[in-house]
Protein backbone atom coordinates (compact mmCIF):
# COMPACT_ATOMS: atom_id res chain seq x y z
CA MET A 1 40.57 89.52 26.61
CA LYS A 2 40.70 86.39 25.36
CA LYS A 3 38.74 87.91 21.92
CA THR A 4 40.89 90.66 21.23
CA ILE A 5 44.01 88.68 21.37
CA SER A 6 43.21 86.02 18.94
CA LEU A 7 41.56 89.25 16.71
CA ILE A 8 45.31 90.58 16.92
CA LEU A 9 47.25 87.23 15.94
CA CYS A 10 45.27 86.90 13.45
CA ALA A 11 45.55 90.50 11.72
CA LEU A 12 49.14 89.62 12.19
CA MET A 13 48.93 86.44 10.60
CA LEU A 14 47.35 88.54 8.10
CA PHE A 15 49.79 91.22 7.46
CA SER A 16 53.01 88.49 7.15
CA ILE A 17 50.65 86.86 4.68
CA ILE A 18 50.10 89.92 2.21
CA GLY A 19 53.72 90.86 3.10
CA VAL A 20 54.64 87.94 1.60
CA ILE A 21 52.90 87.88 -0.93
CA THR A 22 53.35 91.52 -2.20
CA ALA A 23 57.14 90.42 -2.14
CA SER A 24 56.86 87.77 -4.18
CA ALA A 25 54.48 90.03 -6.68
CA ALA A 26 57.66 92.42 -6.64
CA MET A 27 59.80 89.72 -7.25
CA ALA A 28 58.17 88.25 -10.40
CA ASP A 29 57.54 91.68 -11.79
CA GLU A 30 61.14 93.26 -11.94
CA ALA A 31 62.58 89.77 -12.48
CA GLU A 32 64.86 89.50 -15.13
CA GLU A 33 64.76 86.05 -16.93
CA TYR A 34 68.27 83.65 -16.37
CA GLU A 35 68.75 80.71 -18.33
CA LEU A 36 70.62 77.97 -16.30
CA GLY A 37 74.40 77.82 -17.37
CA VAL A 38 74.91 80.97 -18.34
CA LYS A 39 77.26 83.70 -17.32
CA TYR A 40 75.47 86.82 -16.58
CA ASP A 41 77.74 89.91 -16.11
CA GLY A 42 76.08 93.61 -14.40
CA ALA A 43 76.72 96.37 -12.50
CA LEU A 44 74.44 97.68 -9.58
CA LYS A 45 74.37 100.97 -7.92
CA ALA A 46 74.33 102.04 -4.46
CA TYR A 47 71.44 101.24 -2.80
CA SER A 48 69.54 99.10 -5.44
CA LYS A 49 68.79 95.80 -6.12
CA HIS A 50 68.33 93.25 -8.92
CA TYR A 51 66.05 90.00 -9.80
CA PHE A 52 66.66 87.16 -11.40
CA LYS A 53 64.30 84.70 -12.14
CA PHE A 54 64.76 80.80 -13.24
CA VAL A 55 63.06 77.36 -13.05
CA ILE A 56 64.39 74.12 -11.70
CA ALA A 57 62.41 71.83 -13.87
CA LYS A 58 62.97 68.88 -11.28
CA LYS A 59 65.00 67.87 -8.41
CA SER A 60 68.37 69.17 -8.88
CA HIS A 61 71.60 69.90 -7.04
CA VAL A 62 71.87 73.65 -7.67
CA SER A 63 75.38 75.11 -7.64
CA PHE A 64 75.64 79.40 -7.70
CA ASN A 65 78.90 80.82 -8.64
CA TYR A 66 79.70 84.44 -8.19
CA LYS A 67 82.11 87.80 -8.15
CA PHE A 68 81.85 91.11 -7.60
CA ASN A 69 83.99 93.45 -7.45
CA ASN A 70 83.17 97.19 -5.13
CA GLY A 71 86.38 98.76 -5.09
CA GLY A 72 88.21 97.02 -2.42
CA GLN A 73 85.10 98.80 0.18
CA TYR A 74 84.35 96.37 2.33
CA ASP A 75 81.50 93.37 1.36
CA ARG A 76 78.76 95.44 0.51
CA CYS A 77 76.62 93.20 -1.78
CA ALA A 78 74.07 90.74 -0.95
CA TRP A 79 72.79 87.69 -2.62
CA THR A 80 69.27 85.95 -1.73
CA VAL A 81 67.28 83.28 -2.97
CA TYR A 82 64.06 83.08 -2.92
CA SER A 83 61.09 80.46 -3.61
CA ALA A 84 57.77 81.62 -5.99
CA ASP A 85 56.06 82.30 -2.84
CA GLY A 86 59.01 84.99 -1.24
CA SER A 87 60.06 82.48 1.23
CA VAL A 88 63.96 82.27 1.62
CA ALA A 89 65.00 79.11 -0.38
CA CYS A 90 69.35 80.05 0.02
CA THR A 91 70.21 82.88 2.96
CA GLU A 92 72.96 85.40 2.52
CA SER A 93 75.14 83.78 4.74
CA ASP A 94 74.96 80.86 3.04
CA LEU A 95 76.10 81.49 -0.25
CA LYS A 96 78.80 83.65 1.57
CA SER A 97 79.52 80.53 3.57
CA LYS A 98 82.69 79.86 0.66
CA GLN A 99 83.36 83.33 -0.07
CA SER A 100 86.67 84.41 -0.64
CA TYR A 101 88.47 87.78 -1.07
CA ASN A 102 91.25 88.65 -3.56
CA MET A 103 93.33 91.88 -1.95
CA THR A 104 95.11 92.13 -5.39
CA THR A 105 92.06 92.41 -7.67
CA ALA A 106 89.56 93.38 -4.44
CA ASP A 107 87.35 90.71 -5.75
CA PHE A 108 84.69 88.66 -4.06
CA THR A 109 84.50 85.23 -5.45
CA GLY A 110 82.21 82.48 -4.04
CA LYS A 111 80.26 79.43 -4.79
CA TYR A 112 77.57 77.46 -3.24
CA GLY A 113 75.86 74.07 -3.82
CA LYS A 114 72.11 72.99 -2.64
CA ASN A 115 69.19 70.36 -3.10
CA TYR A 116 66.16 71.83 -4.55
CA ASN A 117 62.95 70.91 -5.96
CA ALA A 118 61.60 71.96 -9.17
CA GLY A 119 60.01 75.42 -8.79
CA THR A 120 60.08 79.06 -9.90
CA TYR A 121 62.86 81.15 -7.88
CA TYR A 122 64.44 84.53 -7.72
CA LEU A 123 67.58 85.06 -7.03
CA GLU A 124 68.64 89.20 -5.86
CA ILE A 125 71.54 90.47 -5.82
CA LYS A 126 71.28 94.23 -3.76
CA THR A 127 74.16 96.67 -2.54
CA THR A 128 74.16 99.15 0.19
CA ASN A 129 76.45 102.39 -0.42
CA ALA A 130 79.14 101.26 -2.75
CA THR A 131 78.01 100.32 -6.85
CA ILE A 132 79.51 97.03 -7.88
CA ASN A 133 80.55 94.83 -10.80
CA TYR A 134 79.15 91.65 -10.73
CA SER A 135 78.71 88.03 -12.39
CA PHE A 136 76.96 84.85 -11.60
CA THR A 137 76.62 81.43 -12.59
CA ILE A 138 73.95 79.08 -12.04
CA ASP A 139 74.13 75.67 -12.85
CA ALA A 140 71.40 72.26 -11.83
CA GLU A 141 72.51 68.67 -11.97
CA ALA A 142 70.06 66.02 -11.44
CA LYS A 143 69.93 64.94 -7.69
CA ILE A 144 72.59 61.82 -7.41
CA LYS A 145 70.88 59.44 -4.70
CA LEU A 146 73.53 55.97 -4.19
CA ALA A 147 73.03 53.03 -2.95
CA LYS A 148 74.02 51.55 0.48
CA GLY A 149 77.55 50.40 0.53
CA VAL A 150 77.82 46.31 -0.08
CA LEU A 151 81.12 45.43 1.65
CA SER A 152 81.88 41.98 -0.11
CA SER A 153 85.04 40.61 1.71
CA VAL A 154 87.78 41.59 4.00
CA LYS A 155 90.70 39.29 3.86
CA SER A 156 94.59 39.78 5.78
CA LEU A 157 96.83 37.61 3.56
CA LYS A 158 99.71 39.26 4.62
CA LYS A 159 101.11 40.05 7.50
CA ALA A 160 99.80 43.84 9.22
CA GLN A 161 97.47 44.48 6.54
CA PHE A 162 93.83 43.59 4.94
CA VAL A 163 92.10 43.57 1.60
CA ALA A 164 88.45 45.11 1.20
CA LYS A 165 86.13 44.20 -1.60
CA CYS A 166 83.04 46.14 -2.25
CA LYS A 167 80.06 45.96 -4.62
CA LYS A 168 80.48 48.95 -7.11
CA ALA A 169 77.85 51.57 -7.58
CA THR A 170 75.92 53.06 -10.45
CA ASP A 171 76.94 56.58 -10.63
CA ALA A 172 79.71 56.44 -8.03
CA ILE A 173 83.05 57.55 -9.05
CA GLY A 174 85.48 55.98 -5.81
CA TYR A 175 84.76 54.49 -2.02
CA GLN A 176 85.14 55.05 0.95
CA PHE A 177 86.61 52.57 3.41
CA GLN A 178 86.39 53.21 6.96
CA TYR A 179 88.05 50.61 9.80
CA SER A 180 88.41 50.38 13.70
CA THR A 181 89.33 48.80 16.52
CA ASN A 182 86.16 49.73 17.74
CA GLU A 183 83.22 47.74 16.75
CA GLN A 184 81.07 50.62 17.30
CA PHE A 185 83.23 52.78 15.55
CA LYS A 186 82.98 56.10 17.81
CA LYS A 187 86.47 55.84 18.31
CA GLY A 188 90.17 55.46 16.84
CA VAL A 189 88.34 55.34 13.19
CA LYS A 190 90.47 55.83 10.25
CA THR A 191 89.11 56.51 6.85
CA VAL A 192 90.68 55.99 3.36
CA LYS A 193 89.52 56.48 -0.20
CA SER A 194 89.88 54.36 -3.15
CA ALA A 195 88.88 55.18 -7.03
CA VAL A 196 87.86 51.22 -7.54
CA ALA A 197 85.58 48.72 -5.63
CA GLN A 198 88.95 47.98 -3.46
CA ARG A 199 91.29 48.76 -1.04
CA THR A 200 94.28 47.21 0.79
CA VAL A 201 95.17 49.15 3.96
CA LYS A 202 98.62 48.32 5.90
CA ARG A 203 100.76 48.99 8.49
CA LEU A 204 98.01 47.18 11.11
CA LYS A 205 98.70 45.82 14.15
CA SER A 206 99.40 42.09 13.66
CA GLY A 207 96.56 40.07 16.27
CA LYS A 208 94.31 42.78 16.51
CA ARG A 209 90.66 42.56 14.76
CA TYR A 210 89.27 45.14 12.59
CA TYR A 211 85.90 46.24 11.81
CA VAL A 212 85.82 47.34 8.16
CA ARG A 213 82.95 49.03 6.32
CA VAL A 214 82.36 51.01 2.72
CA ARG A 215 80.40 53.64 1.39
CA PRO A 216 79.80 54.59 -2.25
CA TYR A 217 80.64 58.50 -3.43
CA THR A 218 80.74 61.15 -5.98
CA ILE A 219 81.26 64.65 -6.83
CA TYR A 220 78.59 67.01 -8.36
CA THR A 221 80.53 69.76 -10.10
CA ASP A 222 80.59 72.68 -7.54
CA GLY A 223 83.06 69.99 -5.76
CA THR A 224 79.52 69.13 -3.20
CA TYR A 225 80.68 65.56 -2.28
CA VAL A 226 77.08 63.11 -2.49
CA TYR A 227 77.64 59.86 -0.18
CA GLY A 228 75.65 56.76 0.15
CA GLN A 229 75.16 55.12 3.87
CA TYR A 230 77.48 53.04 5.10
CA SER A 231 77.13 49.57 4.66
CA LEU A 232 76.73 46.59 7.25
CA PRO A 233 80.45 46.33 9.04
CA LYS A 234 82.54 43.00 8.45
CA SER A 235 85.13 42.28 10.75
CA VAL A 236 89.08 40.41 10.30
CA LYS A 237 91.64 39.76 12.44
CA ILE A 238 95.46 40.70 10.79
CA LYS A 239 98.10 38.02 10.51
């Protein structure tokens, strides 16, 4: 009995592997080469699909921007990204997480960003019972890793306010300061941003002790935020 079950499991695993290999081979054979950063315009008939092959040279943040129109019918278009081995790298629901619909033009538009390792990928676009016109652009930016925030000082020089200063971080376009009367930042947490490495916070409670921490941030071109780790907190008693 155990031997029979083992044989069945091995057979299922084999069929699964063959299925993935077959799928990836089909994508490789049918895929059209796509150059990153170039807008592609195309059309698909009902119940058809199209593959596009693109290559990521090094670990990058990859952004997808797309639009399609199916003549005012309900969303009848699926977008999926596969790795070279046929495994799913980005699901349809991922790509549609920020999708919107224009009732005037009947256009569906969407964008999505995700970090990818170096490698070959395939974008699959397929339709159900509607003909669609579509366009898309795929961009890749070098992955950014920001340093941990470093809070230099926090001082209360005037009544009901403090000034927090931090060290500048490479690649950062701004800094996010958090403050709270709770040392663990578990309640009453407020967040403010600054384009420079310091921030003045006003309208605080005099005589109260506040805890402050900071982290640098930047933004990819698709609007995705990247943050460094928060600094160790410093405390200040408000005048």
